[in-house]
């Protein structure tokens, strides 16, 4: 099975897990428009992964970084639009990242370039982040040399190998069904007298 097909299969498993648990499609807290958006939800939007048309490309990164990009990065980020994929695994709970729309894909590329430049500055082998862990600062990264997957703390070299390739990683992890947390309410606006007192305090130098 090629890696983009393995990713599509995990999207299907993720959707089925949500439908079995909540009787509905996955929910993301993203509120902007995107090809994967299906309907509104009180916590964001229901979504279902859709193919990118045309496929997302990373060839524009290579001249800027003077570095050939491993093709598995395109298989992971360049084939679908969708929400992030929460997972459970023997190595912990985490979230695989996915582009939500074309602007998000461009933003993702900018951050990947920044990560690659940091690795170059530190004289460390090139890696690409593909996910984040929940209980630590570690990221799930892809080794640009061979496409293997590792845990890596930003600024450090990879320290724990997870899988030889993307398909193997996707076969090891299980979908995690988790509703987005409600957005925090804005702090209450101070009442008129409190605001007046603060303004007078600024003018007189007293609080």
N, C-alpha and C. Protein backbone atom coordinates (compact mmCIF):
# COMPACT_ATOMS: atom_id res chain seq x y z
N UNK A 1 0.85 -1.20 0.00
CA UNK A 1 0.00 0.00 0.00
C UNK A 1 0.88 1.25 0.00
N UNK A 2 0.58 2.20 -0.91
CA UNK A 2 1.36 3.44 -0.88
C UNK A 2 0.92 4.31 0.30
N UNK A 3 1.74 5.30 0.60
CA UNK A 3 1.54 6.05 1.85
C UNK A 3 0.28 6.92 1.81
N UNK A 4 -0.05 7.50 0.66
CA UNK A 4 -1.27 8.32 0.59
C UNK A 4 -2.51 7.44 0.75
N UNK A 5 -2.45 6.20 0.25
CA UNK A 5 -3.58 5.27 0.45
C UNK A 5 -3.70 4.88 1.91
N UNK A 6 -2.56 4.71 2.59
CA UNK A 6 -2.59 4.40 4.03
C UNK A 6 -3.19 5.56 4.81
N UNK A 7 -2.88 6.79 4.39
CA UNK A 7 -3.45 7.97 5.04
C UNK A 7 -4.96 8.02 4.81
N UNK A 8 -5.39 7.75 3.59
CA UNK A 8 -6.83 7.74 3.29
C UNK A 8 -7.54 6.70 4.15
N UNK A 9 -6.90 5.55 4.32
CA UNK A 9 -7.49 4.50 5.16
C UNK A 9 -7.61 4.96 6.61
N UNK A 10 -6.60 5.71 7.10
CA UNK A 10 -6.70 6.20 8.47
C UNK A 10 -7.79 7.26 8.60
N UNK A 11 -7.95 8.11 7.58
CA UNK A 11 -9.07 9.06 7.59
C UNK A 11 -10.39 8.30 7.73
N UNK A 12 -10.53 7.19 6.99
CA UNK A 12 -11.76 6.39 7.06
C UNK A 12 -11.95 5.81 8.46
N UNK A 13 -10.89 5.28 9.05
CA UNK A 13 -10.97 4.74 10.40
C UNK A 13 -11.34 5.83 11.41
N UNK A 14 -10.79 7.01 11.19
CA UNK A 14 -11.06 8.14 12.08
C UNK A 14 -12.54 8.53 12.00
N UNK A 15 -13.05 8.60 10.77
CA UNK A 15 -14.46 8.96 10.60
C UNK A 15 -15.38 7.90 11.22
N UNK A 16 -15.07 6.63 11.00
CA UNK A 16 -15.90 5.56 11.56
C UNK A 16 -15.87 5.59 13.09
N UNK A 17 -14.72 5.91 13.67
CA UNK A 17 -14.63 5.99 15.14
C UNK A 17 -15.54 7.09 15.67
N UNK A 18 -15.56 8.22 14.98
CA UNK A 18 -16.44 9.32 15.40
C UNK A 18 -17.91 8.93 15.26
N UNK A 19 -18.24 8.30 14.13
CA UNK A 19 -19.63 7.94 13.91
C UNK A 19 -20.09 6.87 14.89
N UNK A 20 -19.19 5.97 15.28
CA UNK A 20 -19.54 4.94 16.26
C UNK A 20 -19.74 5.54 17.64
N UNK A 21 -18.94 6.56 17.97
CA UNK A 21 -18.99 7.16 19.31
C UNK A 21 -20.07 8.22 19.44
N UNK A 22 -20.16 9.11 18.45
CA UNK A 22 -21.07 10.26 18.56
C UNK A 22 -22.18 10.26 17.51
N UNK A 23 -22.14 9.31 16.56
CA UNK A 23 -23.16 9.29 15.52
C UNK A 23 -23.08 10.46 14.57
N UNK A 24 -21.88 11.02 14.39
CA UNK A 24 -21.71 12.17 13.51
C UNK A 24 -20.28 12.20 12.97
N UNK A 25 -20.08 13.06 11.98
CA UNK A 25 -18.74 13.24 11.42
C UNK A 25 -17.83 13.92 12.43
N UNK A 26 -16.51 13.81 12.24
CA UNK A 26 -15.58 14.49 13.14
C UNK A 26 -15.85 15.99 13.21
N UNK A 27 -15.49 16.58 14.33
CA UNK A 27 -15.67 18.02 14.56
C UNK A 27 -14.30 18.65 14.74
N UNK A 28 -14.07 19.75 14.04
CA UNK A 28 -12.86 20.55 14.23
C UNK A 28 -13.24 21.92 14.77
N UNK A 29 -12.31 22.54 15.50
CA UNK A 29 -12.59 23.89 15.99
C UNK A 29 -12.24 24.96 14.96
N UNK A 30 -11.79 24.53 13.77
CA UNK A 30 -11.53 25.52 12.71
C UNK A 30 -12.84 26.19 12.32
N UNK A 31 -12.81 27.52 12.18
CA UNK A 31 -14.04 28.21 11.80
C UNK A 31 -13.98 28.82 10.41
N UNK A 32 -12.80 28.76 9.77
CA UNK A 32 -12.69 29.31 8.43
C UNK A 32 -13.17 28.31 7.38
N UNK A 33 -13.47 28.81 6.19
CA UNK A 33 -13.95 27.95 5.11
C UNK A 33 -12.85 27.00 4.66
N UNK A 34 -13.26 25.82 4.23
CA UNK A 34 -12.31 24.85 3.72
C UNK A 34 -13.04 23.78 2.94
N UNK A 35 -12.38 23.14 1.96
CA UNK A 35 -13.04 22.13 1.13
C UNK A 35 -13.58 20.95 1.93
N UNK A 36 -12.99 20.66 3.09
CA UNK A 36 -13.42 19.50 3.88
C UNK A 36 -14.61 19.81 4.78
N UNK A 37 -14.97 21.08 4.93
CA UNK A 37 -16.07 21.46 5.82
C UNK A 37 -17.39 20.93 5.27
N UNK A 38 -18.20 20.33 6.15
CA UNK A 38 -19.48 19.75 5.74
C UNK A 38 -20.65 20.54 6.30
N UNK A 39 -20.62 20.84 7.60
CA UNK A 39 -21.72 21.57 8.23
C UNK A 39 -21.22 22.20 9.52
N UNK A 40 -21.99 23.15 10.03
CA UNK A 40 -21.60 23.84 11.26
C UNK A 40 -21.91 22.99 12.49
N UNK A 41 -21.14 23.23 13.53
CA UNK A 41 -21.34 22.59 14.83
C UNK A 41 -21.10 23.66 15.88
N UNK A 42 -21.71 23.52 17.05
CA UNK A 42 -21.57 24.55 18.07
C UNK A 42 -20.12 24.76 18.50
N UNK A 43 -19.26 23.76 18.29
CA UNK A 43 -17.85 23.88 18.66
C UNK A 43 -16.95 24.12 17.45
N UNK A 44 -17.52 24.24 16.27
CA UNK A 44 -16.71 24.47 15.07
C UNK A 44 -17.43 24.00 13.83
N UNK A 45 -16.87 22.97 13.18
CA UNK A 45 -17.46 22.45 11.95
C UNK A 45 -17.27 20.94 11.86
N UNK A 46 -18.30 20.27 11.32
CA UNK A 46 -18.12 18.88 10.91
C UNK A 46 -17.26 18.87 9.65
N UNK A 47 -16.45 17.83 9.51
CA UNK A 47 -15.60 17.75 8.33
C UNK A 47 -15.43 16.31 7.86
N UNK A 48 -15.07 16.21 6.59
CA UNK A 48 -14.72 14.92 5.99
C UNK A 48 -13.62 15.18 4.97
N UNK A 49 -12.55 14.40 5.03
CA UNK A 49 -11.39 14.63 4.18
C UNK A 49 -11.76 14.57 2.70
N UNK A 50 -11.17 15.48 1.92
CA UNK A 50 -11.38 15.49 0.47
C UNK A 50 -10.01 15.58 -0.21
N UNK A 51 -9.88 15.02 -1.43
CA UNK A 51 -8.59 15.09 -2.13
C UNK A 51 -8.25 16.53 -2.50
N UNK A 52 -6.97 16.84 -2.46
CA UNK A 52 -6.50 18.14 -2.96
C UNK A 52 -6.47 18.09 -4.49
N UNK A 53 -7.00 19.13 -5.10
CA UNK A 53 -6.98 19.25 -6.56
C UNK A 53 -6.48 20.63 -6.95
N UNK A 54 -5.29 20.77 -7.55
CA UNK A 54 -4.31 19.71 -7.80
C UNK A 54 -3.61 19.31 -6.50
N UNK A 55 -2.81 18.26 -6.59
CA UNK A 55 -2.07 17.81 -5.41
C UNK A 55 -1.12 18.89 -4.93
N UNK A 56 -0.99 18.99 -3.62
CA UNK A 56 -0.05 19.96 -3.05
C UNK A 56 1.38 19.53 -3.33
N UNK A 57 2.22 20.49 -3.67
CA UNK A 57 3.61 20.19 -4.05
C UNK A 57 4.58 20.88 -3.10
N UNK A 58 5.75 20.28 -2.96
CA UNK A 58 6.79 20.84 -2.10
C UNK A 58 8.06 21.15 -2.90
N UNK A 59 7.95 21.11 -4.22
CA UNK A 59 9.13 21.36 -5.05
C UNK A 59 9.65 22.78 -4.87
N UNK A 60 8.76 23.71 -4.47
CA UNK A 60 9.20 25.09 -4.27
C UNK A 60 10.07 25.25 -3.03
N UNK A 61 10.05 24.26 -2.13
CA UNK A 61 10.89 24.32 -0.95
C UNK A 61 12.34 24.01 -1.27
N UNK A 62 12.55 23.16 -2.26
CA UNK A 62 13.89 22.64 -2.51
C UNK A 62 14.90 23.72 -2.89
N UNK A 63 14.57 24.66 -3.81
CA UNK A 63 15.55 25.71 -4.12
C UNK A 63 15.85 26.60 -2.91
N UNK A 64 14.82 26.92 -2.13
CA UNK A 64 15.02 27.81 -0.98
C UNK A 64 15.92 27.17 0.07
N UNK A 65 15.79 25.86 0.23
CA UNK A 65 16.55 25.17 1.27
C UNK A 65 17.80 24.49 0.75
N UNK A 66 17.93 24.46 -0.60
CA UNK A 66 19.04 23.73 -1.23
C UNK A 66 19.06 22.30 -0.71
N UNK A 67 17.88 21.68 -0.73
CA UNK A 67 17.71 20.36 -0.13
C UNK A 67 16.60 19.61 -0.86
N UNK A 68 16.87 18.40 -1.36
CA UNK A 68 15.78 17.60 -1.94
C UNK A 68 14.83 17.13 -0.85
N UNK A 69 13.53 17.32 -1.06
CA UNK A 69 12.53 16.96 -0.06
C UNK A 69 12.10 15.51 -0.27
N UNK A 70 12.07 14.74 0.81
CA UNK A 70 11.65 13.33 0.71
C UNK A 70 10.23 13.26 0.16
N UNK A 71 9.97 12.38 -0.81
CA UNK A 71 8.63 12.33 -1.43
C UNK A 71 7.51 11.96 -0.47
N UNK A 72 7.82 11.31 0.64
CA UNK A 72 6.75 10.94 1.58
C UNK A 72 6.13 12.15 2.26
N UNK A 73 6.84 13.28 2.27
CA UNK A 73 6.26 14.49 2.84
C UNK A 73 5.08 14.94 2.00
N UNK A 74 5.23 14.86 0.68
CA UNK A 74 4.13 15.21 -0.22
C UNK A 74 2.98 14.21 -0.08
N UNK A 75 3.31 12.94 0.12
CA UNK A 75 2.26 11.93 0.31
C UNK A 75 1.44 12.22 1.56
N UNK A 76 2.08 12.79 2.57
CA UNK A 76 1.39 13.06 3.83
C UNK A 76 0.59 14.36 3.79
N UNK A 77 1.20 15.43 3.32
CA UNK A 77 0.56 16.74 3.37
C UNK A 77 -0.12 17.16 2.07
N UNK A 78 0.22 16.52 0.96
CA UNK A 78 -0.20 17.05 -0.33
C UNK A 78 -1.36 16.37 -1.00
N UNK A 79 -2.02 15.42 -0.32
CA UNK A 79 -3.08 14.65 -0.98
C UNK A 79 -4.48 14.97 -0.50
N UNK A 80 -4.63 15.48 0.72
CA UNK A 80 -5.97 15.70 1.27
C UNK A 80 -6.05 17.04 1.99
N UNK A 81 -7.28 17.60 2.01
CA UNK A 81 -7.63 18.65 2.96
C UNK A 81 -8.49 18.01 4.04
N UNK A 82 -8.25 18.38 5.28
CA UNK A 82 -9.05 17.81 6.36
C UNK A 82 -8.63 18.37 7.70
N UNK A 83 -9.30 17.92 8.74
CA UNK A 83 -8.94 18.31 10.09
C UNK A 83 -7.75 17.50 10.58
N UNK A 84 -7.19 17.93 11.69
CA UNK A 84 -6.10 17.17 12.30
C UNK A 84 -6.64 15.85 12.86
N UNK A 85 -5.73 14.88 13.00
CA UNK A 85 -6.12 13.52 13.36
C UNK A 85 -5.55 13.17 14.73
N UNK A 86 -6.40 13.15 15.74
CA UNK A 86 -5.95 12.78 17.08
C UNK A 86 -5.77 11.26 17.13
N UNK A 87 -4.77 10.82 17.89
CA UNK A 87 -4.49 9.38 17.93
C UNK A 87 -4.04 8.94 19.32
N UNK A 88 -4.19 7.64 19.55
CA UNK A 88 -3.61 6.94 20.70
C UNK A 88 -2.57 5.97 20.16
N UNK A 89 -1.46 5.82 20.89
CA UNK A 89 -0.41 4.90 20.48
C UNK A 89 0.36 4.43 21.69
N UNK A 90 1.16 3.39 21.51
CA UNK A 90 1.99 2.91 22.61
C UNK A 90 2.94 3.98 23.11
N UNK A 91 3.33 4.89 22.22
CA UNK A 91 4.28 5.93 22.60
C UNK A 91 3.60 7.20 23.10
N UNK A 92 2.25 7.20 23.20
CA UNK A 92 1.55 8.33 23.76
C UNK A 92 0.39 8.81 22.91
N UNK A 93 -0.30 9.83 23.39
CA UNK A 93 -1.40 10.45 22.66
C UNK A 93 -0.86 11.65 21.89
N UNK A 94 -1.42 11.87 20.71
CA UNK A 94 -0.95 12.99 19.92
C UNK A 94 -1.93 13.36 18.83
N UNK A 95 -1.43 14.11 17.87
CA UNK A 95 -2.26 14.66 16.81
C UNK A 95 -1.42 14.79 15.55
N UNK A 96 -1.88 14.17 14.46
CA UNK A 96 -1.23 14.35 13.17
C UNK A 96 -1.83 15.57 12.50
N UNK A 97 -1.00 16.38 11.89
CA UNK A 97 -1.42 17.65 11.30
C UNK A 97 -1.83 17.45 9.84
N UNK A 98 -2.84 18.18 9.41
CA UNK A 98 -3.27 18.15 8.02
C UNK A 98 -3.69 19.56 7.60
N UNK A 99 -3.47 19.92 6.32
CA UNK A 99 -3.89 21.25 5.86
C UNK A 99 -5.40 21.33 5.73
N UNK A 100 -5.96 22.45 6.17
CA UNK A 100 -7.41 22.65 6.13
C UNK A 100 -7.86 23.22 4.79
N UNK A 101 -7.07 24.11 4.25
CA UNK A 101 -7.39 24.73 2.96
C UNK A 101 -6.08 25.17 2.30
N UNK A 102 -6.17 25.85 1.17
CA UNK A 102 -4.96 26.22 0.43
C UNK A 102 -4.11 27.21 1.22
N UNK A 103 -4.74 28.16 1.88
CA UNK A 103 -3.98 29.11 2.70
C UNK A 103 -3.25 28.39 3.83
N UNK A 104 -3.91 27.41 4.41
CA UNK A 104 -3.30 26.64 5.49
C UNK A 104 -2.11 25.83 4.97
N UNK A 105 -2.23 25.32 3.75
CA UNK A 105 -1.12 24.58 3.14
C UNK A 105 0.09 25.49 2.96
N UNK A 106 -0.16 26.72 2.49
CA UNK A 106 0.94 27.68 2.32
C UNK A 106 1.56 28.04 3.67
N UNK A 107 0.72 28.23 4.69
CA UNK A 107 1.22 28.53 6.04
C UNK A 107 2.05 27.36 6.57
N UNK A 108 1.58 26.16 6.29
CA UNK A 108 2.30 24.96 6.70
C UNK A 108 3.68 24.91 6.06
N UNK A 109 3.75 25.23 4.77
CA UNK A 109 5.03 25.24 4.07
C UNK A 109 5.99 26.25 4.71
N UNK A 110 5.48 27.43 5.04
CA UNK A 110 6.33 28.44 5.68
C UNK A 110 6.92 27.92 6.99
N UNK A 111 6.10 27.24 7.77
CA UNK A 111 6.58 26.71 9.04
C UNK A 111 7.55 25.55 8.85
N UNK A 112 7.33 24.75 7.82
CA UNK A 112 8.28 23.68 7.51
C UNK A 112 9.63 24.24 7.10
N UNK A 113 9.61 25.32 6.32
CA UNK A 113 10.87 25.99 5.95
C UNK A 113 11.57 26.50 7.20
N UNK A 114 10.82 27.13 8.10
CA UNK A 114 11.42 27.63 9.33
C UNK A 114 12.04 26.52 10.16
N UNK A 115 11.35 25.39 10.22
CA UNK A 115 11.88 24.24 10.96
C UNK A 115 13.16 23.72 10.31
N UNK A 116 13.15 23.63 8.97
CA UNK A 116 14.33 23.13 8.26
C UNK A 116 15.52 24.06 8.43
N UNK A 117 15.27 25.37 8.41
CA UNK A 117 16.36 26.33 8.59
C UNK A 117 16.93 26.25 10.00
N UNK A 118 16.06 26.01 10.99
CA UNK A 118 16.54 25.84 12.36
C UNK A 118 17.45 24.62 12.45
N UNK A 119 17.02 23.51 11.82
CA UNK A 119 17.84 22.30 11.85
C UNK A 119 19.19 22.54 11.17
N UNK A 120 19.16 23.29 10.08
CA UNK A 120 20.41 23.59 9.36
C UNK A 120 21.33 24.44 10.22
N UNK A 121 20.76 25.44 10.90
CA UNK A 121 21.54 26.33 11.76
C UNK A 121 22.18 25.55 12.91
N UNK A 122 21.47 24.54 13.41
CA UNK A 122 21.98 23.72 14.51
C UNK A 122 22.89 22.60 14.02
N UNK A 123 23.07 22.54 12.68
CA UNK A 123 23.90 21.49 12.07
C UNK A 123 23.37 20.09 12.43
N UNK A 124 22.04 19.96 12.37
CA UNK A 124 21.39 18.68 12.61
C UNK A 124 20.77 18.17 11.32
N UNK A 125 20.62 16.85 11.17
CA UNK A 125 19.99 16.30 9.97
C UNK A 125 18.57 16.84 9.80
N UNK A 126 18.15 17.00 8.55
CA UNK A 126 16.84 17.59 8.25
C UNK A 126 15.71 16.64 8.64
N UNK A 127 14.70 17.20 9.30
CA UNK A 127 13.46 16.49 9.61
C UNK A 127 12.29 17.41 9.27
N UNK A 128 11.11 16.81 9.17
CA UNK A 128 9.87 17.56 8.91
C UNK A 128 8.84 17.16 9.96
N UNK A 129 8.23 18.14 10.61
CA UNK A 129 7.21 17.79 11.61
C UNK A 129 5.93 17.36 10.90
N UNK A 130 5.30 16.32 11.43
CA UNK A 130 4.02 15.85 10.90
C UNK A 130 2.96 15.74 12.00
N UNK A 131 3.37 15.91 13.25
CA UNK A 131 2.41 15.81 14.34
C UNK A 131 3.00 16.33 15.63
N UNK A 132 2.16 16.40 16.65
CA UNK A 132 2.59 16.87 17.97
C UNK A 132 2.07 15.89 19.02
N UNK A 133 2.80 15.79 20.12
CA UNK A 133 2.39 14.94 21.23
C UNK A 133 1.63 15.76 22.26
N UNK A 134 0.73 15.11 22.98
CA UNK A 134 -0.14 15.84 23.90
C UNK A 134 0.50 16.10 25.25
N UNK A 135 1.24 15.14 25.77
CA UNK A 135 1.75 15.24 27.13
C UNK A 135 3.20 15.70 27.22
N UNK A 136 3.78 16.14 26.12
CA UNK A 136 5.17 16.58 26.15
C UNK A 136 5.39 17.61 25.05
N UNK A 137 6.61 18.14 24.98
CA UNK A 137 6.96 19.10 23.93
C UNK A 137 7.38 18.41 22.64
N UNK A 138 7.38 17.09 22.63
CA UNK A 138 7.88 16.36 21.46
C UNK A 138 6.96 16.50 20.26
N UNK A 139 7.56 16.46 19.09
CA UNK A 139 6.84 16.42 17.83
C UNK A 139 7.07 15.05 17.19
N UNK A 140 6.14 14.64 16.33
CA UNK A 140 6.38 13.51 15.45
C UNK A 140 7.01 14.08 14.18
N UNK A 141 8.18 13.59 13.82
CA UNK A 141 8.89 14.13 12.66
C UNK A 141 9.24 13.02 11.69
N UNK A 142 9.41 13.43 10.44
CA UNK A 142 9.86 12.54 9.37
C UNK A 142 11.32 12.85 9.05
N UNK A 143 12.15 11.84 9.05
CA UNK A 143 13.55 12.00 8.67
C UNK A 143 13.62 12.21 7.16
N UNK A 144 14.19 13.32 6.74
CA UNK A 144 14.24 13.62 5.32
C UNK A 144 15.12 12.65 4.55
N UNK A 145 16.04 11.97 5.22
CA UNK A 145 16.96 11.07 4.53
C UNK A 145 16.27 9.79 4.07
N UNK A 146 15.41 9.22 4.93
CA UNK A 146 14.84 7.91 4.59
C UNK A 146 13.34 7.79 4.83
N UNK A 147 12.68 8.86 5.30
CA UNK A 147 11.23 8.81 5.51
C UNK A 147 10.80 8.12 6.79
N UNK A 148 11.73 7.76 7.65
CA UNK A 148 11.36 7.14 8.93
C UNK A 148 10.75 8.19 9.86
N UNK A 149 9.97 7.72 10.84
CA UNK A 149 9.25 8.61 11.76
C UNK A 149 9.83 8.50 13.16
N UNK A 150 9.98 9.66 13.81
CA UNK A 150 10.65 9.75 15.10
C UNK A 150 9.92 10.73 16.01
N UNK A 151 10.26 10.67 17.30
CA UNK A 151 9.91 11.74 18.23
C UNK A 151 11.11 12.68 18.34
N UNK A 152 10.81 13.97 18.36
CA UNK A 152 11.87 14.98 18.43
C UNK A 152 11.39 16.16 19.26
N UNK A 153 12.21 16.61 20.17
CA UNK A 153 11.95 17.84 20.92
C UNK A 153 12.57 18.99 20.14
N UNK A 154 11.83 20.09 19.92
CA UNK A 154 12.38 21.21 19.14
C UNK A 154 13.75 21.64 19.64
N UNK A 155 14.68 21.80 18.70
CA UNK A 155 16.04 22.20 19.03
C UNK A 155 16.97 21.04 19.27
N UNK A 156 16.42 19.83 19.37
CA UNK A 156 17.24 18.65 19.61
C UNK A 156 17.13 17.68 18.44
N UNK A 157 18.00 16.68 18.42
CA UNK A 157 17.93 15.65 17.40
C UNK A 157 16.85 14.63 17.78
N UNK A 158 16.29 13.91 16.79
CA UNK A 158 15.31 12.87 17.10
C UNK A 158 15.85 11.88 18.12
N UNK A 159 14.98 11.44 19.04
CA UNK A 159 15.47 10.57 20.12
C UNK A 159 14.77 9.23 20.22
N UNK A 160 13.64 9.05 19.54
CA UNK A 160 12.94 7.76 19.62
C UNK A 160 12.33 7.43 18.26
N UNK A 161 12.75 6.32 17.69
CA UNK A 161 12.20 5.91 16.40
C UNK A 161 10.83 5.27 16.60
N UNK A 162 9.87 5.67 15.75
CA UNK A 162 8.51 5.16 15.84
C UNK A 162 8.19 4.15 14.76
N UNK A 163 8.66 4.40 13.54
CA UNK A 163 8.32 3.53 12.41
C UNK A 163 9.30 3.77 11.27
N UNK A 164 9.44 2.77 10.41
CA UNK A 164 10.34 2.89 9.26
C UNK A 164 9.77 3.80 8.19
N UNK A 165 8.44 3.91 8.13
CA UNK A 165 7.82 4.74 7.10
C UNK A 165 6.42 5.15 7.55
N UNK A 166 5.80 5.99 6.75
CA UNK A 166 4.51 6.57 7.09
C UNK A 166 3.42 5.51 7.21
N UNK A 167 3.38 4.56 6.26
CA UNK A 167 2.35 3.52 6.30
C UNK A 167 2.45 2.70 7.58
N UNK A 168 3.69 2.40 7.99
CA UNK A 168 3.88 1.63 9.21
C UNK A 168 3.38 2.41 10.43
N UNK A 169 3.66 3.70 10.48
CA UNK A 169 3.18 4.52 11.59
C UNK A 169 1.66 4.54 11.64
N UNK A 170 1.02 4.74 10.49
CA UNK A 170 -0.43 4.83 10.44
C UNK A 170 -1.09 3.52 10.85
N UNK A 171 -0.38 2.41 10.64
CA UNK A 171 -0.90 1.12 11.08
C UNK A 171 -0.75 0.88 12.56
N UNK A 172 0.12 1.63 13.21
CA UNK A 172 0.39 1.45 14.64
C UNK A 172 -0.55 2.26 15.53
N UNK A 173 -1.07 3.35 15.02
CA UNK A 173 -1.85 4.27 15.86
C UNK A 173 -3.35 4.01 15.71
N UNK A 174 -4.11 4.42 16.71
CA UNK A 174 -5.56 4.25 16.70
C UNK A 174 -6.23 5.61 16.77
N UNK A 175 -7.35 5.80 16.04
CA UNK A 175 -8.06 7.08 16.12
C UNK A 175 -8.50 7.38 17.55
N UNK A 176 -8.38 8.63 17.92
CA UNK A 176 -8.82 9.08 19.24
C UNK A 176 -9.96 10.08 19.05
N UNK A 177 -11.11 9.77 19.58
CA UNK A 177 -12.28 10.63 19.42
C UNK A 177 -12.30 11.64 20.56
N UNK A 178 -12.18 12.91 20.20
CA UNK A 178 -12.09 13.96 21.23
C UNK A 178 -12.74 15.23 20.71
N UNK A 179 -13.82 15.65 21.36
CA UNK A 179 -14.49 16.89 20.98
C UNK A 179 -13.57 18.08 21.25
N UNK A 180 -13.57 19.09 20.37
CA UNK A 180 -12.80 20.30 20.66
C UNK A 180 -13.31 20.95 21.94
N UNK A 181 -12.40 21.59 22.66
CA UNK A 181 -12.81 22.31 23.86
C UNK A 181 -13.49 23.61 23.45
N UNK A 182 -14.53 24.03 24.18
CA UNK A 182 -15.18 25.31 23.86
C UNK A 182 -14.17 26.45 23.91
N UNK A 183 -14.34 27.41 23.01
CA UNK A 183 -13.45 28.57 23.00
C UNK A 183 -13.63 29.35 24.30
N UNK A 184 -12.53 29.82 24.90
CA UNK A 184 -12.66 30.58 26.15
C UNK A 184 -13.42 31.88 25.91
N UNK A 185 -14.24 32.25 26.88
CA UNK A 185 -14.98 33.50 26.76
C UNK A 185 -14.04 34.68 26.92
N UNK A 186 -14.29 35.79 26.19
CA UNK A 186 -13.45 36.97 26.38
C UNK A 186 -13.62 37.50 27.80
N UNK A 187 -12.58 38.11 28.35
CA UNK A 187 -12.71 38.64 29.71
C UNK A 187 -13.82 39.67 29.77
N UNK A 188 -14.58 39.69 30.86
CA UNK A 188 -15.69 40.65 30.95
C UNK A 188 -15.20 42.09 30.86
N UNK A 189 -15.96 42.92 30.13
CA UNK A 189 -15.61 44.33 29.99
C UNK A 189 -15.86 45.03 31.32
N UNK A 190 -14.88 45.79 31.81
CA UNK A 190 -15.10 46.49 33.08
C UNK A 190 -16.31 47.41 33.00
N UNK A 191 -17.02 47.54 34.10
CA UNK A 191 -18.15 48.46 34.14
C UNK A 191 -17.71 49.91 33.99
N UNK A 192 -18.69 50.80 33.80
CA UNK A 192 -18.39 52.20 33.54
C UNK A 192 -17.58 52.81 34.68
N UNK A 193 -17.98 52.56 35.93
CA UNK A 193 -17.30 53.20 37.04
C UNK A 193 -15.87 52.68 37.19
N UNK A 194 -15.71 51.40 36.96
CA UNK A 194 -14.36 50.84 37.05
C UNK A 194 -13.46 51.44 35.97
N UNK A 195 -14.02 51.62 34.77
CA UNK A 195 -13.22 52.21 33.68
C UNK A 195 -12.91 53.67 33.97
N UNK A 196 -13.90 54.39 34.53
CA UNK A 196 -13.69 55.80 34.86
C UNK A 196 -12.62 55.94 35.93
N UNK A 197 -12.66 55.06 36.94
CA UNK A 197 -11.66 55.10 38.01
C UNK A 197 -10.27 54.84 37.44
N UNK A 198 -10.16 53.88 36.52
CA UNK A 198 -8.86 53.58 35.92
C UNK A 198 -8.36 54.76 35.11
N UNK A 199 -9.28 55.41 34.36
CA UNK A 199 -8.88 56.56 33.55
C UNK A 199 -8.40 57.70 34.43
N UNK A 200 -9.12 57.98 35.52
CA UNK A 200 -8.71 59.05 36.42
C UNK A 200 -7.39 58.71 37.10
N UNK A 201 -7.20 57.43 37.41
CA UNK A 201 -5.94 57.02 38.00
C UNK A 201 -4.78 57.27 37.06
N UNK A 202 -4.99 57.03 35.76
CA UNK A 202 -3.94 57.30 34.77
C UNK A 202 -3.64 58.79 34.71
N UNK A 203 -4.68 59.62 34.80
CA UNK A 203 -4.49 61.06 34.68
C UNK A 203 -3.80 61.65 35.91
N UNK A 204 -4.13 61.11 37.08
CA UNK A 204 -3.59 61.68 38.32
C UNK A 204 -2.37 60.95 38.83
N UNK A 205 -2.09 59.80 38.23
CA UNK A 205 -0.97 59.00 38.70
C UNK A 205 -1.30 58.19 39.92
N UNK A 206 -2.60 58.12 40.28
CA UNK A 206 -3.01 57.34 41.45
C UNK A 206 -3.95 56.23 41.01
N UNK A 207 -3.92 55.11 41.74
CA UNK A 207 -4.80 53.97 41.48
C UNK A 207 -5.66 53.69 42.69
